[in-house]
Structure formats: C-alpha cells, structure tokens
Amino acid sequence: MFNLSRPLRSILAQIRSGTLPLRIETGRFTGLAIDDRLCDFCNGDQVESETHFLLKCDWYQGERYIFFDNVVIEKNMSDADTIKHLFYFHPRQLARFCQNIFMIRKNELYN
C-alpha cells in the first residue's frame, strides 16, 4: 500500500477498520456504553472515536496544525469527507500523523 512501512500500513488499516485501541473500541470490551467511552485527553466530553482522534481532540492540536499545514484540503468539508480525502490524496502524511499522535497517546497512557 503506497510503499509504506509495515507500521505505517498497520496504523492506517487500524484507523480504517476501527480497530485502533481508542476508547470507542476498548470500551466495548469492558461493557461501557458508547456515550461513556469519552476521551481521556481533552476536556471536550466527546467519545474517543477515530474522527475525534484525527480531527477534534485538543490534546493533539499542535501536531494537527503541523499536519494540516502540509496537506491541501478544502475548508468546508465534512469530517467524513475530510478523512476520505486524507486517505485518498495524502496517505503517507496521514500515516505519519497517525503514528505520531498515537505515540503521544501511548506515552501519556503508559508513562
């Protein structure tokens, strides 16, 4: 897939398939209602879904500014269209961005 390394291909596949260990996924193993699978990193009281992780969470805002400075995207796109656009037109940059913010998440959770 786009000559990406295995870790980068893996993180994109996990985002696309909904298996990246975010609260939306891990909460179902502990029996949490979807509305209770809130992000532990921001004060938005939002469910930690893939869309929240990639586009909304304040915790990754600095990384997100850098990422969106380096990709071309229309301003008025919906969140779903934005993610589709990134996967289609900027897969390498998206994979690196996902890897970076997921490492930030893991370091915060496990340190």
PDB file of N, CA and C in Angstrom:
ATOM      1  N   MET A   1       0.843  -1.194   0.000  1.00  0.00           N
ATOM      2  CA  MET A   1       0.000   0.000   0.000  1.00  0.00           C
ATOM      3  C   MET A   1       0.875   1.240   0.000  1.00  0.00           C
ATOM      4  N   PHE A   2       0.983   1.890  -1.124  1.00  0.00           N
ATOM      5  CA  PHE A   2       1.690   3.159  -1.276  1.00  0.00           C
ATOM      6  C   PHE A   2       3.146   3.102  -0.828  1.00  0.00           C
ATOM      7  N   ASN A   3       3.758   1.930  -0.846  1.00  0.00           N
ATOM      8  CA  ASN A   3       5.145   1.767  -0.411  1.00  0.00           C
ATOM      9  C   ASN A   3       5.377   2.284   1.008  1.00  0.00           C
ATOM     10  N   LEU A   4       4.449   2.016   1.885  1.00  0.00           N
ATOM     11  CA  LEU A   4       4.585   2.407   3.283  1.00  0.00           C
ATOM     12  C   LEU A   4       5.218   1.268   4.060  1.00  0.00           C
ATOM     13  N   SER A   5       5.910   1.624   5.124  1.00  0.00           N
ATOM     14  CA  SER A   5       6.472   0.601   6.005  1.00  0.00           C
ATOM     15  C   SER A   5       5.331  -0.158   6.681  1.00  0.00           C
ATOM     16  N   ARG A   6       5.642  -1.307   7.215  1.00  0.00           N
ATOM     17  CA  ARG A   6       4.621  -2.126   7.871  1.00  0.00           C
ATOM     18  C   ARG A   6       3.913  -1.375   9.013  1.00  0.00           C
ATOM     19  N   PRO A   7       4.647  -0.675   9.902  1.00  0.00           N
ATOM     20  CA  PRO A   7       3.951   0.051  10.977  1.00  0.00           C
ATOM     21  C   PRO A   7       2.997   1.132  10.450  1.00  0.00           C
ATOM     22  N   LEU A   8       3.384   1.815   9.382  1.00  0.00           N
ATOM     23  CA  LEU A   8       2.522   2.852   8.826  1.00  0.00           C
ATOM     24  C   LEU A   8       1.298   2.237   8.149  1.00  0.00           C
ATOM     25  N   ARG A   9       1.495   1.145   7.411  1.00  0.00           N
ATOM     26  CA  ARG A   9       0.346   0.447   6.810  1.00  0.00           C
ATOM     27  C   ARG A   9      -0.592  -0.055   7.899  1.00  0.00           C
ATOM     28  N   SER A  10      -0.012  -0.554   8.981  1.00  0.00           N
ATOM     29  CA  SER A  10      -0.809  -1.108  10.068  1.00  0.00           C
ATOM     30  C   SER A  10      -1.682  -0.041  10.721  1.00  0.00           C
ATOM     31  N   ILE A  11      -1.108   1.117  10.992  1.00  0.00           N
ATOM     32  CA  ILE A  11      -1.899   2.142  11.680  1.00  0.00           C
ATOM     33  C   ILE A  11      -3.022   2.666  10.786  1.00  0.00           C
ATOM     34  N   LEU A  12      -2.759   2.782   9.481  1.00  0.00           N
ATOM     35  CA  LEU A  12      -3.832   3.189   8.576  1.00  0.00           C
ATOM     36  C   LEU A  12      -4.925   2.131   8.517  1.00  0.00           C
ATOM     37  N   ALA A  13      -4.537   0.872   8.480  1.00  0.00           N
ATOM     38  CA  ALA A  13      -5.524  -0.209   8.444  1.00  0.00           C
ATOM     39  C   ALA A  13      -6.357  -0.218   9.729  1.00  0.00           C
ATOM     40  N   GLN A  14      -5.717   0.019  10.858  1.00  0.00           N
ATOM     41  CA  GLN A  14      -6.447   0.041  12.130  1.00  0.00           C
ATOM     42  C   GLN A  14      -7.423   1.212  12.197  1.00  0.00           C
ATOM     43  N   ILE A  15      -7.022   2.364  11.691  1.00  0.00           N
ATOM     44  CA  ILE A  15      -7.929   3.523  11.657  1.00  0.00           C
ATOM     45  C   ILE A  15      -9.119   3.207  10.753  1.00  0.00           C
ATOM     46  N   ARG A  16      -8.852   2.675   9.564  1.00  0.00           N
ATOM     47  CA  ARG A  16      -9.929   2.392   8.598  1.00  0.00           C
ATOM     48  C   ARG A  16     -10.885   1.328   9.093  1.00  0.00           C
ATOM     49  N   SER A  17     -10.350   0.326   9.786  1.00  0.00           N
ATOM     50  CA  SER A  17     -11.192  -0.793  10.215  1.00  0.00           C
ATOM     51  C   SER A  17     -11.821  -0.569  11.587  1.00  0.00           C
ATOM     52  N   GLY A  18     -11.429   0.499  12.271  1.00  0.00           N
ATOM     53  CA  GLY A  18     -11.989   0.772  13.587  1.00  0.00           C
ATOM     54  C   GLY A  18     -11.413  -0.102  14.680  1.00  0.00           C
ATOM     55  N   THR A  19     -10.200  -0.605  14.484  1.00  0.00           N
ATOM     56  CA  THR A  19      -9.589  -1.480  15.485  1.00  0.00           C
ATOM     57  C   THR A  19      -8.423  -0.836  16.224  1.00  0.00           C
ATOM     58  N   LEU A  20      -8.123   0.420  15.937  1.00  0.00           N
ATOM     59  CA  LEU A  20      -7.101   1.116  16.716  1.00  0.00           C
ATOM     60  C   LEU A  20      -7.613   1.203  18.147  1.00  0.00           C
ATOM     61  N   PRO A  21      -6.790   0.882  19.131  1.00  0.00           N
ATOM     62  CA  PRO A  21      -7.300   0.811  20.512  1.00  0.00           C
ATOM     63  C   PRO A  21      -7.639   2.176  21.125  1.00  0.00           C
ATOM     64  N   LEU A  22      -8.668   2.785  20.583  1.00  0.00           N
ATOM     65  CA  LEU A  22      -9.231   4.010  21.138  1.00  0.00           C
ATOM     66  C   LEU A  22     -10.380   3.609  22.042  1.00  0.00           C
ATOM     67  N   ARG A  23     -10.875   4.545  22.839  1.00  0.00           N
ATOM     68  CA  ARG A  23     -11.944   4.232  23.796  1.00  0.00           C
ATOM     69  C   ARG A  23     -13.212   3.696  23.123  1.00  0.00           C
ATOM     70  N   ILE A  24     -13.489   4.137  21.911  1.00  0.00           N
ATOM     71  CA  ILE A  24     -14.670   3.631  21.206  1.00  0.00           C
ATOM     72  C   ILE A  24     -14.553   2.116  21.017  1.00  0.00           C
ATOM     73  N   GLU A  25     -13.344   1.619  20.849  1.00  0.00           N
ATOM     74  CA  GLU A  25     -13.108   0.183  20.652  1.00  0.00           C
ATOM     75  C   GLU A  25     -12.894  -0.532  21.980  1.00  0.00           C
ATOM     76  N   THR A  26     -12.017  -0.015  22.825  1.00  0.00           N
ATOM     77  CA  THR A  26     -11.683  -0.719  24.065  1.00  0.00           C
ATOM     78  C   THR A  26     -12.832  -0.708  25.066  1.00  0.00           C
ATOM     79  N   GLY A  27     -13.687   0.300  24.981  1.00  0.00           N
ATOM     80  CA  GLY A  27     -14.814   0.384  25.904  1.00  0.00           C
ATOM     81  C   GLY A  27     -15.818  -0.736  25.729  1.00  0.00           C
ATOM     82  N   ARG A  28     -15.894  -1.285  24.535  1.00  0.00           N
ATOM     83  CA  ARG A  28     -16.852  -2.374  24.331  1.00  0.00           C
ATOM     84  C   ARG A  28     -16.412  -3.650  25.036  1.00  0.00           C
ATOM     85  N   PHE A  29     -15.096  -3.802  25.265  1.00  0.00           N
ATOM     86  CA  PHE A  29     -14.608  -4.984  25.978  1.00  0.00           C
ATOM     87  C   PHE A  29     -14.923  -4.925  27.467  1.00  0.00           C
ATOM     88  N   THR A  30     -15.080  -3.710  27.981  1.00  0.00           N
ATOM     89  CA  THR A  30     -15.397  -3.551  29.402  1.00  0.00           C
ATOM     90  C   THR A  30     -16.882  -3.283  29.635  1.00  0.00           C
ATOM     91  N   GLY A  31     -17.663  -3.296  28.568  1.00  0.00           N
ATOM     92  CA  GLY A  31     -19.102  -3.125  28.693  1.00  0.00           C
ATOM     93  C   GLY A  31     -19.574  -1.691  28.839  1.00  0.00           C
ATOM     94  N   LEU A  32     -18.724  -0.722  28.523  1.00  0.00           N
ATOM     95  CA  LEU A  32     -19.126   0.684  28.609  1.00  0.00           C
ATOM     96  C   LEU A  32     -20.109   1.024  27.491  1.00  0.00           C
ATOM     97  N   ALA A  33     -21.096   1.807  27.832  1.00  0.00           N
ATOM     98  CA  ALA A  33     -21.999   2.322  26.799  1.00  0.00           C
ATOM     99  C   ALA A  33     -21.202   3.254  25.889  1.00  0.00           C
ATOM    100  N   ILE A  34     -21.605   3.356  24.648  1.00  0.00           N
ATOM    101  CA  ILE A  34     -20.863   4.189  23.694  1.00  0.00           C
ATOM    102  C   ILE A  34     -20.718   5.617  24.206  1.00  0.00           C
ATOM    103  N   ASP A  35     -21.756   6.164  24.798  1.00  0.00           N
ATOM    104  CA  ASP A  35     -21.706   7.539  25.296  1.00  0.00           C
ATOM    105  C   ASP A  35     -20.756   7.719  26.470  1.00  0.00           C
ATOM    106  N   ASP A  36     -20.321   6.624  27.089  1.00  0.00           N
ATOM    107  CA  ASP A  36     -19.394   6.692  28.218  1.00  0.00           C
ATOM    108  C   ASP A  36     -17.942   6.445  27.818  1.00  0.00           C
ATOM    109  N   ARG A  37     -17.691   6.244  26.549  1.00  0.00           N
ATOM    110  CA  ARG A  37     -16.329   5.971  26.070  1.00  0.00           C
ATOM    111  C   ARG A  37     -15.624   7.281  25.713  1.00  0.00           C
ATOM    112  N   LEU A  38     -15.537   8.156  26.685  1.00  0.00           N
ATOM    113  CA  LEU A  38     -15.039   9.511  26.481  1.00  0.00           C
ATOM    114  C   LEU A  38     -13.526   9.556  26.393  1.00  0.00           C
ATOM    115  N   CYS A  39     -13.050  10.544  25.677  1.00  0.00           N
ATOM    116  CA  CYS A  39     -11.617  10.776  25.524  1.00  0.00           C
ATOM    117  C   CYS A  39     -11.028  11.170  26.875  1.00  0.00           C
ATOM    118  N   ASP A  40      -9.924  10.544  27.233  1.00  0.00           N
ATOM    119  CA  ASP A  40      -9.245  10.838  28.490  1.00  0.00           C
ATOM    120  C   ASP A  40      -8.290  12.028  28.391  1.00  0.00           C
ATOM    121  N   PHE A  41      -8.124  12.568  27.199  1.00  0.00           N
ATOM    122  CA  PHE A  41      -7.068  13.551  26.993  1.00  0.00           C
ATOM    123  C   PHE A  41      -7.547  14.982  26.805  1.00  0.00           C
ATOM    124  N   CYS A  42      -8.780  15.177  26.439  1.00  0.00           N
ATOM    125  CA  CYS A  42      -9.262  16.541  26.244  1.00  0.00           C
ATOM    126  C   CYS A  42     -10.469  16.786  27.138  1.00  0.00           C
ATOM    127  N   ASN A  43     -10.862  18.013  27.215  1.00  0.00           N
ATOM    128  CA  ASN A  43     -11.990  18.391  28.071  1.00  0.00           C
ATOM    129  C   ASN A  43     -13.289  18.511  27.291  1.00  0.00           C
ATOM    130  N   GLY A  44     -13.338  17.932  26.095  1.00  0.00           N
ATOM    131  CA  GLY A  44     -14.499  18.086  25.247  1.00  0.00           C
ATOM    132  C   GLY A  44     -15.658  17.191  25.589  1.00  0.00           C
ATOM    133  N   ASP A  45     -15.484  16.276  26.519  1.00  0.00           N
ATOM    134  CA  ASP A  45     -16.530  15.311  26.841  1.00  0.00           C
ATOM    135  C   ASP A  45     -17.074  14.651  25.582  1.00  0.00           C
ATOM    136  N   GLN A  46     -16.171  14.260  24.705  1.00  0.00           N
ATOM    137  CA  GLN A  46     -16.557  13.614  23.459  1.00  0.00           C
ATOM    138  C   GLN A  46     -16.069  12.173  23.459  1.00  0.00           C
ATOM    139  N   VAL A  47     -16.809  11.324  22.768  1.00  0.00           N
ATOM    140  CA  VAL A  47     -16.406   9.933  22.611  1.00  0.00           C
ATOM    141  C   VAL A  47     -15.107   9.902  21.815  1.00  0.00           C
ATOM    142  N   GLU A  48     -14.156   9.095  22.285  1.00  0.00           N
ATOM    143  CA  GLU A  48     -12.871   8.989  21.584  1.00  0.00           C
ATOM    144  C   GLU A  48     -13.023   8.017  20.419  1.00  0.00           C
ATOM    145  N   SER A  49     -13.527   8.557  19.321  1.00  0.00           N
ATOM    146  CA  SER A  49     -13.690   7.806  18.081  1.00  0.00           C
ATOM    147  C   SER A  49     -12.525   8.138  17.156  1.00  0.00           C
ATOM    148  N   GLU A  50     -12.496   7.498  16.009  1.00  0.00           N
ATOM    149  CA  GLU A  50     -11.453   7.775  15.034  1.00  0.00           C
ATOM    150  C   GLU A  50     -11.523   9.227  14.558  1.00  0.00           C
ATOM    151  N   THR A  51     -12.735   9.727  14.328  1.00  0.00           N
ATOM    152  CA  THR A  51     -12.894  11.120  13.894  1.00  0.00           C
ATOM    153  C   THR A  51     -12.400  12.075  14.968  1.00  0.00           C
ATOM    154  N   HIS A  52     -12.750  11.814  16.202  1.00  0.00           N
ATOM    155  CA  HIS A  52     -12.293  12.664  17.302  1.00  0.00           C
ATOM    156  C   HIS A  52     -10.764  12.619  17.393  1.00  0.00           C
ATOM    157  N   PHE A  53     -10.214  11.433  17.334  1.00  0.00           N
ATOM    158  CA  PHE A  53      -8.763  11.242  17.430  1.00  0.00           C
ATOM    159  C   PHE A  53      -8.032  12.005  16.329  1.00  0.00           C
ATOM    160  N   LEU A  54      -8.501  11.893  15.096  1.00  0.00           N
ATOM    161  CA  LEU A  54      -7.804  12.512  13.965  1.00  0.00           C
ATOM    162  C   LEU A  54      -8.062  14.006  13.816  1.00  0.00           C
ATOM    163  N   LEU A  55      -9.282  14.446  14.104  1.00  0.00           N
ATOM    164  CA  LEU A  55      -9.654  15.811  13.728  1.00  0.00           C
ATOM    165  C   LEU A  55     -10.047  16.734  14.867  1.00  0.00           C
ATOM    166  N   LYS A  56     -10.392  16.217  16.019  1.00  0.00           N
ATOM    167  CA  LYS A  56     -11.019  17.059  17.037  1.00  0.00           C
ATOM    168  C   LYS A  56     -10.271  17.193  18.358  1.00  0.00           C
ATOM    169  N   CYS A  57      -9.596  16.158  18.805  1.00  0.00           N
ATOM    170  CA  CYS A  57      -9.033  16.148  20.160  1.00  0.00           C
ATOM    171  C   CYS A  57      -8.013  17.270  20.350  1.00  0.00           C
ATOM    172  N   ASP A  58      -8.244  18.078  21.376  1.00  0.00           N
ATOM    173  CA  ASP A  58      -7.353  19.200  21.670  1.00  0.00           C
ATOM    174  C   ASP A  58      -5.940  18.754  22.043  1.00  0.00           C
ATOM    175  N   TRP A  59      -5.814  17.553  22.558  1.00  0.00           N
ATOM    176  CA  TRP A  59      -4.512  17.051  23.018  1.00  0.00           C
ATOM    177  C   TRP A  59      -3.487  17.013  21.886  1.00  0.00           C
ATOM    178  N   TYR A  60      -3.942  16.795  20.672  1.00  0.00           N
ATOM    179  CA  TYR A  60      -3.053  16.657  19.509  1.00  0.00           C
ATOM    180  C   TYR A  60      -3.067  17.892  18.619  1.00  0.00           C
ATOM    181  N   GLN A  61      -3.570  19.004  19.118  1.00  0.00           N
ATOM    182  CA  GLN A  61      -3.759  20.185  18.286  1.00  0.00           C
ATOM    183  C   GLN A  61      -2.456  20.682  17.658  1.00  0.00           C
ATOM    184  N   GLY A  62      -1.367  20.672  18.391  1.00  0.00           N
ATOM    185  CA  GLY A  62      -0.087  21.122  17.839  1.00  0.00           C
ATOM    186  C   GLY A  62       0.350  20.266  16.671  1.00  0.00           C
ATOM    187  N   GLU A  63       0.268  18.960  16.825  1.00  0.00           N
ATOM    188  CA  GLU A  63       0.620  18.045  15.733  1.00  0.00           C
ATOM    189  C   GLU A  63      -0.333  18.229  14.552  1.00  0.00           C
ATOM    190  N   ARG A  64      -1.600  18.458  14.860  1.00  0.00           N
ATOM    191  CA  ARG A  64      -2.605  18.628  13.800  1.00  0.00           C
ATOM    192  C   ARG A  64      -2.321  19.894  12.995  1.00  0.00           C
ATOM    193  N   TYR A  65      -1.910  20.995  13.644  1.00  0.00           N
ATOM    194  CA  TYR A  65      -1.578  22.222  12.911  1.00  0.00           C
ATOM    195  C   TYR A  65      -0.444  21.964  11.931  1.00  0.00           C
ATOM    196  N   ILE A  66       0.586  21.276  12.387  1.00  0.00           N
ATOM    197  CA  ILE A  66       1.723  20.958  11.515  1.00  0.00           C
ATOM    198  C   ILE A  66       1.265  20.101  10.346  1.00  0.00           C
ATOM    199  N   PHE A  67       0.465  19.078  10.642  1.00  0.00           N
ATOM    200  CA  PHE A  67      -0.020  18.178   9.607  1.00  0.00           C
ATOM    201  C   PHE A  67      -0.844  18.922   8.559  1.00  0.00           C
ATOM    202  N   PHE A  68      -1.823  19.713   8.995  1.00  0.00           N
ATOM    203  CA  PHE A  68      -2.694  20.393   8.047  1.00  0.00           C
ATOM    204  C   PHE A  68      -2.010  21.549   7.327  1.00  0.00           C
ATOM    205  N   ASP A  69      -0.868  22.010   7.818  1.00  0.00           N
ATOM    206  CA  ASP A  69      -0.084  22.990   7.071  1.00  0.00           C
ATOM    207  C   ASP A  69       0.576  22.357   5.848  1.00  0.00           C
ATOM    208  N   ASN A  70       0.735  21.029   5.874  1.00  0.00           N
ATOM    209  CA  ASN A  70       1.450  20.330   4.812  1.00  0.00           C
ATOM    210  C   ASN A  70       0.546  19.557   3.855  1.00  0.00           C
ATOM    211  N   VAL A  71      -0.759  19.649   4.014  1.00  0.00           N
ATOM    212  CA  VAL A  71      -1.685  18.991   3.091  1.00  0.00           C
ATOM    213  C   VAL A  71      -2.694  20.014   2.583  1.00  0.00           C
ATOM    214  N   VAL A  72      -3.195  19.769   1.395  1.00  0.00           N
ATOM    215  CA  VAL A  72      -4.188  20.661   0.800  1.00  0.00           C
ATOM    216  C   VAL A  72      -5.556  20.057   1.040  1.00  0.00           C
ATOM    217  N   ILE A  73      -6.423  20.831   1.665  1.00  0.00           N
ATOM    218  CA  ILE A  73      -7.766  20.349   1.969  1.00  0.00           C
ATOM    219  C   ILE A  73      -8.735  21.522   1.919  1.00  0.00           C
ATOM    220  N   GLU A  74      -9.942  21.268   1.454  1.00  0.00           N
ATOM    221  CA  GLU A  74     -10.960  22.312   1.399  1.00  0.00           C
ATOM    222  C   GLU A  74     -11.466  22.623   2.803  1.00  0.00           C
ATOM    223  N   LYS A  75     -11.788  23.844   3.045  1.00  0.00           N
ATOM    224  CA  LYS A  75     -12.201  24.290   4.383  1.00  0.00           C
ATOM    225  C   LYS A  75     -13.583  23.792   4.796  1.00  0.00           C
ATOM    226  N   ASN A  76     -14.508  23.651   3.875  1.00  0.00           N
ATOM    227  CA  ASN A  76     -15.896  23.359   4.225  1.00  0.00           C
ATOM    228  C   ASN A  76     -16.271  21.887   4.094  1.00  0.00           C
ATOM    229  N   MET A  77     -15.312  20.997   4.124  1.00  0.00           N
ATOM    230  CA  MET A  77     -15.605  19.573   4.008  1.00  0.00           C
ATOM    231  C   MET A  77     -16.132  19.037   5.333  1.00  0.00           C
ATOM    232  N   SER A  78     -17.020  18.056   5.253  1.00  0.00           N
ATOM    233  CA  SER A  78     -17.473  17.376   6.468  1.00  0.00           C
ATOM    234  C   SER A  78     -16.310  16.559   7.034  1.00  0.00           C
ATOM    235  N   ASP A  79     -16.451  16.141   8.280  1.00  0.00           N
ATOM    236  CA  ASP A  79     -15.397  15.326   8.893  1.00  0.00           C
ATOM    237  C   ASP A  79     -15.176  14.034   8.108  1.00  0.00           C
ATOM    238  N   ALA A  80     -16.262  13.371   7.713  1.00  0.00           N
ATOM    239  CA  ALA A  80     -16.131  12.120   6.957  1.00  0.00           C
ATOM    240  C   ALA A  80     -15.442  12.356   5.622  1.00  0.00           C
ATOM    241  N   ASP A  81     -15.799  13.432   4.930  1.00  0.00           N
ATOM    242  CA  ASP A  81     -15.163  13.740   3.647  1.00  0.00           C
ATOM    243  C   ASP A  81     -13.703  14.125   3.829  1.00  0.00           C
ATOM    244  N   THR A  82     -13.398  14.816   4.904  1.00  0.00           N
ATOM    245  CA  THR A  82     -12.009  15.169   5.196  1.00  0.00           C
ATOM    246  C   THR A  82     -11.166  13.919   5.377  1.00  0.00           C
ATOM    247  N   ILE A  83     -11.670  12.969   6.143  1.00  0.00           N
ATOM    248  CA  ILE A  83     -10.918  11.729   6.371  1.00  0.00           C
ATOM    249  C   ILE A  83     -10.765  10.956   5.074  1.00  0.00           C
ATOM    250  N   LYS A  84     -11.818  10.857   4.280  1.00  0.00           N
ATOM    251  CA  LYS A  84     -11.722  10.179   2.978  1.00  0.00           C
ATOM    252  C   LYS A  84     -10.679  10.849   2.095  1.00  0.00           C
ATOM    253  N   HIS A  85     -10.717  12.169   2.058  1.00  0.00           N
ATOM    254  CA  HIS A  85      -9.760  12.936   1.255  1.00  0.00           C
ATOM    255  C   HIS A  85      -8.324  12.651   1.696  1.00  0.00           C
ATOM    256  N   LEU A  86      -8.099  12.642   2.999  1.00  0.00           N
ATOM    257  CA  LEU A  86      -6.752  12.389   3.515  1.00  0.00           C
ATOM    258  C   LEU A  86      -6.271  10.991   3.150  1.00  0.00           C
ATOM    259  N   PHE A  87      -7.141   9.992   3.280  1.00  0.00           N
ATOM    260  CA  PHE A  87      -6.762   8.629   2.917  1.00  0.00           C
ATOM    261  C   PHE A  87      -6.445   8.507   1.431  1.00  0.00           C
ATOM    262  N   TYR A  88      -7.185   9.196   0.605  1.00  0.00           N
ATOM    263  CA  TYR A  88      -7.028   9.065  -0.836  1.00  0.00           C
ATOM    264  C   TYR A  88      -5.865   9.897  -1.380  1.00  0.00           C
ATOM    265  N   PHE A  89      -5.761  11.156  -0.941  1.00  0.00           N
ATOM    266  CA  PHE A  89      -4.780  12.056  -1.527  1.00  0.00           C
ATOM    267  C   PHE A  89      -3.497  12.232  -0.714  1.00  0.00           C
ATOM    268  N   HIS A  90      -3.522  11.914   0.583  1.00  0.00           N
ATOM    269  CA  HIS A  90      -2.356  12.142   1.434  1.00  0.00           C
ATOM    270  C   HIS A  90      -2.075  10.953   2.353  1.00  0.00           C
ATOM    271  N   PRO A  91      -2.032   9.740   1.824  1.00  0.00           N
ATOM    272  CA  PRO A  91      -1.905   8.575   2.711  1.00  0.00           C
ATOM    273  C   PRO A  91      -0.593   8.536   3.493  1.00  0.00           C
ATOM    274  N   ARG A  92       0.495   8.947   2.890  1.00  0.00           N
ATOM    275  CA  ARG A  92       1.785   8.908   3.595  1.00  0.00           C
ATOM    276  C   ARG A  92       1.806   9.897   4.754  1.00  0.00           C
ATOM    277  N   GLN A  93       1.371  11.129   4.469  1.00  0.00           N
ATOM    278  CA  GLN A  93       1.343  12.139   5.513  1.00  0.00           C
ATOM    279  C   GLN A  93       0.371  11.741   6.620  1.00  0.00           C
ATOM    280  N   LEU A  94      -0.783  11.201   6.234  1.00  0.00           N
ATOM    281  CA  LEU A  94      -1.769  10.766   7.219  1.00  0.00           C
ATOM    282  C   LEU A  94      -1.210   9.650   8.083  1.00  0.00           C
ATOM    283  N   ALA A  95      -0.521   8.704   7.477  1.00  0.00           N
ATOM    284  CA  ALA A  95       0.053   7.590   8.243  1.00  0.00           C
ATOM    285  C   ALA A  95       1.072   8.093   9.255  1.00  0.00           C
ATOM    286  N   ARG A  96       1.927   9.018   8.847  1.00  0.00           N
ATOM    287  CA  ARG A  96       2.930   9.565   9.777  1.00  0.00           C
ATOM    288  C   ARG A  96       2.261  10.363  10.891  1.00  0.00           C
ATOM    289  N   PHE A  97       1.244  11.137  10.531  1.00  0.00           N
ATOM    290  CA  PHE A  97       0.498  11.901  11.526  1.00  0.00           C
ATOM    291  C   PHE A  97      -0.159  10.961  12.533  1.00  0.00           C
ATOM    292  N   CYS A  98      -0.828   9.921  12.055  1.00  0.00           N
ATOM    293  CA  CYS A  98      -1.473   8.942  12.939  1.00  0.00           C
ATOM    294  C   CYS A  98      -0.448   8.282  13.854  1.00  0.00           C
ATOM    295  N   GLN A  99       0.679   7.917  13.282  1.00  0.00           N
ATOM    296  CA  GLN A  99       1.721   7.282  14.083  1.00  0.00           C
ATOM    297  C   GLN A  99       2.219   8.236  15.166  1.00  0.00           C
ATOM    298  N   ASN A 100       2.433   9.490  14.816  1.00  0.00           N
ATOM    299  CA  ASN A 100       2.916  10.477  15.786  1.00  0.00           C
ATOM    300  C   ASN A 100       1.924  10.691  16.920  1.00  0.00           C
ATOM    301  N   ILE A 101       0.655  10.904  16.582  1.00  0.00           N
ATOM    302  CA  ILE A 101      -0.296  11.196  17.653  1.00  0.00           C
ATOM    303  C   ILE A 101      -0.627   9.942  18.457  1.00  0.00           C
ATOM    304  N   PHE A 102      -0.556   8.771  17.827  1.00  0.00           N
ATOM    305  CA  PHE A 102      -0.795   7.558  18.599  1.00  0.00           C
ATOM    306  C   PHE A 102       0.347   7.304  19.576  1.00  0.00           C
ATOM    307  N   MET A 103       1.578   7.643  19.187  1.00  0.00           N
ATOM    308  CA  MET A 103       2.715   7.519  20.108  1.00  0.00           C
ATOM    309  C   MET A 103       2.571   8.502  21.269  1.00  0.00           C
ATOM    310  N   ILE A 104       2.101   9.711  21.002  1.00  0.00           N
ATOM    311  CA  ILE A 104       1.841  10.677  22.066  1.00  0.00           C
ATOM    312  C   ILE A 104       0.816  10.097  23.029  1.00  0.00           C
ATOM    313  N   ARG A 105      -0.226   9.504  22.488  1.00  0.00           N
ATOM    314  CA  ARG A 105      -1.286   8.895  23.302  1.00  0.00           C
ATOM    315  C   ARG A 105      -0.722   7.765  24.152  1.00  0.00           C
ATOM    316  N   LYS A 106       0.025   6.862  23.536  1.00  0.00           N
ATOM    317  CA  LYS A 106       0.588   5.722  24.267  1.00  0.00           C
ATOM    318  C   LYS A 106       1.544   6.182  25.359  1.00  0.00           C
ATOM    319  N   ASN A 107       2.387   7.157  25.053  1.00  0.00           N
ATOM    320  CA  ASN A 107       3.321   7.665  26.063  1.00  0.00           C
ATOM    321  C   ASN A 107       2.589   8.271  27.254  1.00  0.00           C
ATOM    322  N   GLU A 108       1.510   8.959  26.995  1.00  0.00           N
ATOM    323  CA  GLU A 108       0.743   9.568  28.081  1.00  0.00           C
ATOM    324  C   GLU A 108       0.018   8.503  28.915  1.00  0.00           C
ATOM    325  N   LEU A 109      -0.510   7.500  28.254  1.00  0.00           N
ATOM    326  CA  LEU A 109      -1.250   6.457  28.967  1.00  0.00           C
ATOM    327  C   LEU A 109      -0.342   5.564  29.810  1.00  0.00           C
ATOM    328  N   TYR A 110       0.833   5.256  29.303  1.00  0.00           N
ATOM    329  CA  TYR A 110       1.667   4.229  29.939  1.00  0.00           C
ATOM    330  C   TYR A 110       2.912   4.759  30.640  1.00  0.00           C
ATOM    331  N   ASN A 111       3.055   6.070  30.741  1.00  0.00           N
ATOM    332  CA  ASN A 111       4.197   6.638  31.482  1.00  0.00           C
ATOM    333  C   ASN A 111       3.731   7.377  32.710  1.00  0.00           C
TER     334      ASN A 111
END
